[in-house]
PDB file of N, CA and C in Angstrom:
ATOM      1  N   MET A   1       0.846  -1.183   0.000  1.00  0.00           N
ATOM      2  CA  MET A   1       0.000   0.000   0.000  1.00  0.00           C
ATOM      3  C   MET A   1       0.887   1.241   0.000  1.00  0.00           C
ATOM      4  N   ASN A   2       0.550   2.199  -0.815  1.00  0.00           N
ATOM      5  CA  ASN A   2       1.287   3.449  -0.918  1.00  0.00           C
ATOM      6  C   ASN A   2       1.092   4.264   0.355  1.00  0.00           C
ATOM      7  N   SER A   3       2.194   4.736   0.930  1.00  0.00           N
ATOM      8  CA  SER A   3       2.097   5.487   2.185  1.00  0.00           C
ATOM      9  C   SER A   3       1.347   6.801   2.013  1.00  0.00           C
ATOM     10  N   ARG A   4       1.326   7.362   0.810  1.00  0.00           N
ATOM     11  CA  ARG A   4       0.603   8.615   0.576  1.00  0.00           C
ATOM     12  C   ARG A   4      -0.902   8.394   0.636  1.00  0.00           C
ATOM     13  N   ALA A   5      -1.341   7.184   0.379  1.00  0.00           N
ATOM     14  CA  ALA A   5      -2.766   6.891   0.383  1.00  0.00           C
ATOM     15  C   ALA A   5      -3.310   6.793   1.806  1.00  0.00           C
ATOM     16  N   ARG A   6      -2.455   6.521   2.755  1.00  0.00           N
ATOM     17  CA  ARG A   6      -2.902   6.400   4.139  1.00  0.00           C
ATOM     18  C   ARG A   6      -3.107   7.762   4.767  1.00  0.00           C
ATOM     19  N   ARG A   7      -3.870   7.794   5.802  1.00  0.00           N
ATOM     20  CA  ARG A   7      -4.075   9.035   6.522  1.00  0.00           C
ATOM     21  C   ARG A   7      -2.761   9.492   7.142  1.00  0.00           C
ATOM     22  N   VAL A   8      -2.599  10.785   7.235  1.00  0.00           N
ATOM     23  CA  VAL A   8      -1.368  11.358   7.777  1.00  0.00           C
ATOM     24  C   VAL A   8      -1.162  10.906   9.222  1.00  0.00           C
ATOM     25  N   GLU A   9      -2.236  10.818   9.971  1.00  0.00           N
ATOM     26  CA  GLU A   9      -2.118  10.405  11.366  1.00  0.00           C
ATOM     27  C   GLU A   9      -1.532   8.998  11.485  1.00  0.00           C
ATOM     28  N   ASP A  10      -1.964   8.115  10.597  1.00  0.00           N
ATOM     29  CA  ASP A  10      -1.442   6.747  10.609  1.00  0.00           C
ATOM     30  C   ASP A  10       0.042   6.740  10.266  1.00  0.00           C
ATOM     31  N   ARG A  11       0.429   7.568   9.309  1.00  0.00           N
ATOM     32  CA  ARG A  11       1.827   7.647   8.910  1.00  0.00           C
ATOM     33  C   ARG A  11       2.679   8.194  10.058  1.00  0.00           C
ATOM     34  N   ILE A  12       2.171   9.150  10.801  1.00  0.00           N
ATOM     35  CA  ILE A  12       2.891   9.702  11.951  1.00  0.00           C
ATOM     36  C   ILE A  12       3.112   8.618  12.997  1.00  0.00           C
ATOM     37  N   ARG A  13       2.079   7.850  13.276  1.00  0.00           N
ATOM     38  CA  ARG A  13       2.224   6.753  14.249  1.00  0.00           C
ATOM     39  C   ARG A  13       3.264   5.734  13.784  1.00  0.00           C
ATOM     40  N   GLU A  14       3.194   5.406  12.508  1.00  0.00           N
ATOM     41  CA  GLU A  14       4.134   4.442  11.934  1.00  0.00           C
ATOM     42  C   GLU A  14       5.579   4.947  12.033  1.00  0.00           C
ATOM     43  N   LEU A  15       5.782   6.199  11.703  1.00  0.00           N
ATOM     44  CA  LEU A  15       7.127   6.773  11.756  1.00  0.00           C
ATOM     45  C   LEU A  15       7.647   6.857  13.191  1.00  0.00           C
ATOM     46  N   CYS A  16       6.781   7.158  14.138  1.00  0.00           N
ATOM     47  CA  CYS A  16       7.190   7.177  15.554  1.00  0.00           C
ATOM     48  C   CYS A  16       7.681   5.799  15.984  1.00  0.00           C
ATOM     49  N   ALA A  17       6.934   4.777  15.611  1.00  0.00           N
ATOM     50  CA  ALA A  17       7.328   3.411  15.968  1.00  0.00           C
ATOM     51  C   ALA A  17       8.652   3.038  15.305  1.00  0.00           C
ATOM     52  N   GLU A  18       8.827   3.417  14.042  1.00  0.00           N
ATOM     53  CA  GLU A  18      10.078   3.122  13.342  1.00  0.00           C
ATOM     54  C   GLU A  18      11.248   3.843  13.996  1.00  0.00           C
ATOM     55  N   ALA A  19      11.049   5.098  14.383  1.00  0.00           N
ATOM     56  CA  ALA A  19      12.126   5.873  14.992  1.00  0.00           C
ATOM     57  C   ALA A  19      12.562   5.268  16.318  1.00  0.00           C
ATOM     58  N   VAL A  20      11.611   4.785  17.099  1.00  0.00           N
ATOM     59  CA  VAL A  20      11.930   4.184  18.391  1.00  0.00           C
ATOM     60  C   VAL A  20      12.725   2.891  18.208  1.00  0.00           C
ATOM     61  N   GLU A  21      12.379   2.115  17.197  1.00  0.00           N
ATOM     62  CA  GLU A  21      13.019   0.819  16.975  1.00  0.00           C
ATOM     63  C   GLU A  21      14.359   0.911  16.246  1.00  0.00           C
ATOM     64  N   GLU A  22      14.586   1.999  15.523  1.00  0.00           N
ATOM     65  CA  GLU A  22      15.774   2.099  14.670  1.00  0.00           C
ATOM     66  C   GLU A  22      17.052   2.181  15.501  1.00  0.00           C
ATOM     67  N   GLN A  23      18.031   1.349  15.145  1.00  0.00           N
ATOM     68  CA  GLN A  23      19.317   1.305  15.836  1.00  0.00           C
ATOM     69  C   GLN A  23      20.375   2.162  15.138  1.00  0.00           C
ATOM     70  N   ASN A  24      20.263   2.308  13.841  1.00  0.00           N
ATOM     71  CA  ASN A  24      21.236   3.063  13.055  1.00  0.00           C
ATOM     72  C   ASN A  24      20.925   4.561  13.172  1.00  0.00           C
ATOM     73  N   PRO A  25      21.865   5.359  13.721  1.00  0.00           N
ATOM     74  CA  PRO A  25      21.602   6.793  13.906  1.00  0.00           C
ATOM     75  C   PRO A  25      21.294   7.536  12.599  1.00  0.00           C
ATOM     76  N   ARG A  26      21.955   7.186  11.517  1.00  0.00           N
ATOM     77  CA  ARG A  26      21.694   7.863  10.241  1.00  0.00           C
ATOM     78  C   ARG A  26      20.287   7.538   9.733  1.00  0.00           C
ATOM     79  N   GLN A  27      19.901   6.293   9.857  1.00  0.00           N
ATOM     80  CA  GLN A  27      18.557   5.887   9.428  1.00  0.00           C
ATOM     81  C   GLN A  27      17.504   6.551  10.319  1.00  0.00           C
ATOM     82  N   ALA A  28      17.787   6.617  11.621  1.00  0.00           N
ATOM     83  CA  ALA A  28      16.851   7.269  12.545  1.00  0.00           C
ATOM     84  C   ALA A  28      16.688   8.741  12.183  1.00  0.00           C
ATOM     85  N   GLU A  29      17.777   9.373  11.782  1.00  0.00           N
ATOM     86  CA  GLU A  29      17.719  10.781  11.381  1.00  0.00           C
ATOM     87  C   GLU A  29      16.820  10.966  10.161  1.00  0.00           C
ATOM     88  N   MET A  30      16.913  10.052   9.217  1.00  0.00           N
ATOM     89  CA  MET A  30      16.063  10.121   8.020  1.00  0.00           C
ATOM     90  C   MET A  30      14.591   9.915   8.380  1.00  0.00           C
ATOM     91  N   ILE A  31      14.342   8.991   9.281  1.00  0.00           N
ATOM     92  CA  ILE A  31      12.968   8.730   9.718  1.00  0.00           C
ATOM     93  C   ILE A  31      12.410   9.960  10.425  1.00  0.00           C
ATOM     94  N   LEU A  32      13.220  10.579  11.281  1.00  0.00           N
ATOM     95  CA  LEU A  32      12.767  11.762  12.002  1.00  0.00           C
ATOM     96  C   LEU A  32      12.497  12.936  11.061  1.00  0.00           C
ATOM     97  N   ALA A  33      13.285  13.057  10.004  1.00  0.00           N
ATOM     98  CA  ALA A  33      13.037  14.110   9.010  1.00  0.00           C
ATOM     99  C   ALA A  33      11.700  13.875   8.312  1.00  0.00           C
ATOM    100  N   GLU A  34      11.421  12.627   7.990  1.00  0.00           N
ATOM    101  CA  GLU A  34      10.135  12.289   7.362  1.00  0.00           C
ATOM    102  C   GLU A  34       8.984  12.529   8.335  1.00  0.00           C
ATOM    103  N   LEU A  35       9.209  12.206   9.606  1.00  0.00           N
ATOM    104  CA  LEU A  35       8.214  12.444  10.645  1.00  0.00           C
ATOM    105  C   LEU A  35       7.928  13.938  10.777  1.00  0.00           C
ATOM    106  N   GLN A  36       8.964  14.731  10.731  1.00  0.00           N
ATOM    107  CA  GLN A  36       8.796  16.179  10.819  1.00  0.00           C
ATOM    108  C   GLN A  36       7.943  16.698   9.660  1.00  0.00           C
ATOM    109  N   GLN A  37       8.168  16.186   8.476  1.00  0.00           N
ATOM    110  CA  GLN A  37       7.362  16.593   7.316  1.00  0.00           C
ATOM    111  C   GLN A  37       5.898  16.183   7.480  1.00  0.00           C
ATOM    112  N   ALA A  38       5.684  14.980   7.982  1.00  0.00           N
ATOM    113  CA  ALA A  38       4.314  14.499   8.174  1.00  0.00           C
ATOM    114  C   ALA A  38       3.589  15.336   9.225  1.00  0.00           C
ATOM    115  N   ILE A  39       4.285  15.685  10.296  1.00  0.00           N
ATOM    116  CA  ILE A  39       3.684  16.522  11.339  1.00  0.00           C
ATOM    117  C   ILE A  39       3.374  17.904  10.776  1.00  0.00           C
ATOM    118  N   HIS A  40       4.269  18.439   9.950  1.00  0.00           N
ATOM    119  CA  HIS A  40       4.034  19.737   9.326  1.00  0.00           C
ATOM    120  C   HIS A  40       2.786  19.682   8.442  1.00  0.00           C
ATOM    121  N   GLN A  41       2.656  18.632   7.655  1.00  0.00           N
ATOM    122  CA  GLN A  41       1.489  18.472   6.782  1.00  0.00           C
ATOM    123  C   GLN A  41       0.211  18.412   7.613  1.00  0.00           C
ATOM    124  N   TYR A  42       0.245  17.652   8.699  1.00  0.00           N
ATOM    125  CA  TYR A  42      -0.912  17.516   9.569  1.00  0.00           C
ATOM    126  C   TYR A  42      -1.274  18.869  10.200  1.00  0.00           C
ATOM    127  N   THR A  43      -0.263  19.599  10.657  1.00  0.00           N
ATOM    128  CA  THR A  43      -0.484  20.901  11.281  1.00  0.00           C
ATOM    129  C   THR A  43      -1.079  21.889  10.289  1.00  0.00           C
ATOM    130  N   GLN A  44      -0.585  21.880   9.053  1.00  0.00           N
ATOM    131  CA  GLN A  44      -1.129  22.754   8.019  1.00  0.00           C
ATOM    132  C   GLN A  44      -2.602  22.454   7.770  1.00  0.00           C
ATOM    133  N   ARG A  45      -2.929  21.183   7.726  1.00  0.00           N
ATOM    134  CA  ARG A  45      -4.316  20.770   7.517  1.00  0.00           C
ATOM    135  C   ARG A  45      -5.206  21.288   8.653  1.00  0.00           C
ATOM    136  N   LEU A  46      -4.706  21.155   9.891  1.00  0.00           N
ATOM    137  CA  LEU A  46      -5.472  21.647  11.042  1.00  0.00           C
ATOM    138  C   LEU A  46      -5.643  23.160  10.988  1.00  0.00           C
ATOM    139  N   ARG A  47      -4.604  23.870  10.597  1.00  0.00           N
ATOM    140  CA  ARG A  47      -4.691  25.331  10.486  1.00  0.00           C
ATOM    141  C   ARG A  47      -5.764  25.738   9.482  1.00  0.00           C
ATOM    142  N   HIS A  48      -5.792  25.069   8.357  1.00  0.00           N
ATOM    143  CA  HIS A  48      -6.783  25.397   7.326  1.00  0.00           C
ATOM    144  C   HIS A  48      -8.196  25.121   7.825  1.00  0.00           C
ATOM    145  N   ARG A  49      -8.363  24.009   8.514  1.00  0.00           N
ATOM    146  CA  ARG A  49      -9.689  23.675   9.043  1.00  0.00           C
ATOM    147  C   ARG A  49     -10.108  24.678  10.118  1.00  0.00           C
ATOM    148  N   ALA A  50      -9.169  25.043  11.003  1.00  0.00           N
ATOM    149  CA  ALA A  50      -9.483  26.008  12.063  1.00  0.00           C
ATOM    150  C   ALA A  50      -9.845  27.365  11.465  1.00  0.00           C
ATOM    151  N   ALA A  51      -9.096  27.794  10.469  1.00  0.00           N
ATOM    152  CA  ALA A  51      -9.392  29.073   9.815  1.00  0.00           C
ATOM    153  C   ALA A  51     -10.777  29.044   9.178  1.00  0.00           C
ATOM    154  N   ALA A  52     -11.118  27.927   8.571  1.00  0.00           N
ATOM    155  CA  ALA A  52     -12.432  27.803   7.946  1.00  0.00           C
ATOM    156  C   ALA A  52     -13.539  27.856   8.997  1.00  0.00           C
ATOM    157  N   VAL A  53     -13.345  27.188  10.101  1.00  0.00           N
ATOM    158  CA  VAL A  53     -14.358  27.182  11.162  1.00  0.00           C
ATOM    159  C   VAL A  53     -14.495  28.575  11.774  1.00  0.00           C
ATOM    160  N   LEU A  54     -13.371  29.199  12.085  1.00  0.00           N
ATOM    161  CA  LEU A  54     -13.407  30.513  12.731  1.00  0.00           C
ATOM    162  C   LEU A  54     -13.927  31.616  11.812  1.00  0.00           C
ATOM    163  N   SER A  55     -13.776  31.450  10.524  1.00  0.00           N
ATOM    164  CA  SER A  55     -14.264  32.457   9.587  1.00  0.00           C
ATOM    165  C   SER A  55     -15.727  32.226   9.209  1.00  0.00           C
ATOM    166  N   GLY A  56     -16.299  31.124   9.676  1.00  0.00           N
ATOM    167  CA  GLY A  56     -17.692  30.839   9.396  1.00  0.00           C
ATOM    168  C   GLY A  56     -17.930  30.165   8.064  1.00  0.00           C
ATOM    169  N   TYR A  57     -16.872  29.731   7.435  1.00  0.00           N
ATOM    170  CA  TYR A  57     -17.001  29.048   6.149  1.00  0.00           C
ATOM    171  C   TYR A  57     -17.656  27.704   6.391  1.00  0.00           C
ATOM    172  N   SER A  58     -18.809  27.455   5.781  1.00  0.00           N
ATOM    173  CA  SER A  58     -19.584  26.248   6.096  1.00  0.00           C
ATOM    174  C   SER A  58     -19.277  25.067   5.188  1.00  0.00           C
ATOM    175  N   ASN A  59     -18.529  25.265   4.114  1.00  0.00           N
ATOM    176  CA  ASN A  59     -18.239  24.179   3.185  1.00  0.00           C
ATOM    177  C   ASN A  59     -16.918  23.480   3.501  1.00  0.00           C
ATOM    178  N   ILE A  60     -16.669  23.213   4.752  1.00  0.00           N
ATOM    179  CA  ILE A  60     -15.437  22.543   5.147  1.00  0.00           C
ATOM    180  C   ILE A  60     -15.530  21.089   4.726  1.00  0.00           C
ATOM    181  N   PRO A  61     -14.579  20.609   3.933  1.00  0.00           N
ATOM    182  CA  PRO A  61     -14.638  19.193   3.541  1.00  0.00           C
ATOM    183  C   PRO A  61     -14.428  18.292   4.759  1.00  0.00           C
ATOM    184  N   LEU A  62     -15.281  17.310   4.884  1.00  0.00           N
ATOM    185  CA  LEU A  62     -15.165  16.361   5.982  1.00  0.00           C
ATOM    186  C   LEU A  62     -14.035  15.380   5.706  1.00  0.00           C
ATOM    187  N   ASP A  63     -13.426  14.893   6.778  1.00  0.00           N
ATOM    188  CA  ASP A  63     -12.437  13.835   6.618  1.00  0.00           C
ATOM    189  C   ASP A  63     -13.128  12.627   6.021  1.00  0.00           C
ATOM    190  N   ARG A  64     -12.418  11.881   5.174  1.00  0.00           N
ATOM    191  CA  ARG A  64     -13.029  10.714   4.520  1.00  0.00           C
ATOM    192  C   ARG A  64     -13.577   9.736   5.534  1.00  0.00           C
ATOM    193  N   ARG A  65     -12.890   9.552   6.641  1.00  0.00           N
ATOM    194  CA  ARG A  65     -13.346   8.565   7.617  1.00  0.00           C
ATOM    195  C   ARG A  65     -14.618   9.010   8.331  1.00  0.00           C
ATOM    196  N   LYS A  66     -14.984  10.297   8.242  1.00  0.00           N
ATOM    197  CA  LYS A  66     -16.159  10.801   8.931  1.00  0.00           C
ATOM    198  C   LYS A  66     -17.352  11.016   8.003  1.00  0.00           C
ATOM    199  N   VAL A  67     -17.154  10.860   6.713  1.00  0.00           N
ATOM    200  CA  VAL A  67     -18.236  11.065   5.757  1.00  0.00           C
ATOM    201  C   VAL A  67     -19.051   9.779   5.663  1.00  0.00           C
ATOM    202  N   PRO A  68     -20.357   9.875   5.879  1.00  0.00           N
ATOM    203  CA  PRO A  68     -21.176   8.663   5.731  1.00  0.00           C
ATOM    204  C   PRO A  68     -21.015   8.083   4.334  1.00  0.00           C
ATOM    205  N   TYR A  69     -21.062   6.778   4.249  1.00  0.00           N
ATOM    206  CA  TYR A  69     -20.808   6.095   2.975  1.00  0.00           C
ATOM    207  C   TYR A  69     -21.703   6.616   1.864  1.00  0.00           C
ATOM    208  N   HIS A  70     -22.969   6.861   2.154  1.00  0.00           N
ATOM    209  CA  HIS A  70     -23.900   7.298   1.117  1.00  0.00           C
ATOM    210  C   HIS A  70     -23.601   8.713   0.621  1.00  0.00           C
ATOM    211  N   ARG A  71     -22.775   9.492   1.318  1.00  0.00           N
ATOM    212  CA  ARG A  71     -22.427  10.848   0.885  1.00  0.00           C
ATOM    213  C   ARG A  71     -21.084  10.917   0.154  1.00  0.00           C
ATOM    214  N   ARG A  72     -20.340   9.819   0.124  1.00  0.00           N
ATOM    215  CA  ARG A  72     -19.039   9.824  -0.531  1.00  0.00           C
ATOM    216  C   ARG A  72     -19.192   9.921  -2.034  1.00  0.00           C
ATOM    217  N   ASP A  73     -18.257  10.607  -2.651  1.00  0.00           N
ATOM    218  CA  ASP A  73     -18.223  10.720  -4.109  1.00  0.00           C
ATOM    219  C   ASP A  73     -17.743   9.391  -4.664  1.00  0.00           C
ATOM    220  N   ARG A  74     -18.575   8.754  -5.452  1.00  0.00           N
ATOM    221  CA  ARG A  74     -18.215   7.441  -5.985  1.00  0.00           C
ATOM    222  C   ARG A  74     -17.775   7.522  -7.436  1.00  0.00           C
ATOM    223  N   SER A  75     -17.512   8.723  -7.927  1.00  0.00           N
ATOM    224  CA  SER A  75     -17.082   8.850  -9.324  1.00  0.00           C
ATOM    225  C   SER A  75     -15.647   8.402  -9.473  1.00  0.00           C
ATOM    226  N   PRO A  76     -15.293   7.798 -10.622  1.00  0.00           N
ATOM    227  CA  PRO A  76     -13.934   7.288 -10.831  1.00  0.00           C
ATOM    228  C   PRO A  76     -12.898   8.348 -10.960  1.00  0.00           C
TER     229      PRO A  76
END
């Protein structure tokens, strides 16, 4: 499964576990850099959602996991 297809939160958890288990300092550094990018992406997403909520914008896209199945876009 492509890591980009997974939710960012899942990728953050995965990277945390990898960083804890990694014995090679150089490899751990690479994992931590990737973790930092994932956290940045997640934070940016939260900022955009917070700005939308605080500005009263009502068309905030729901997270895929929170959208009822019958409301999901099923187009290819």
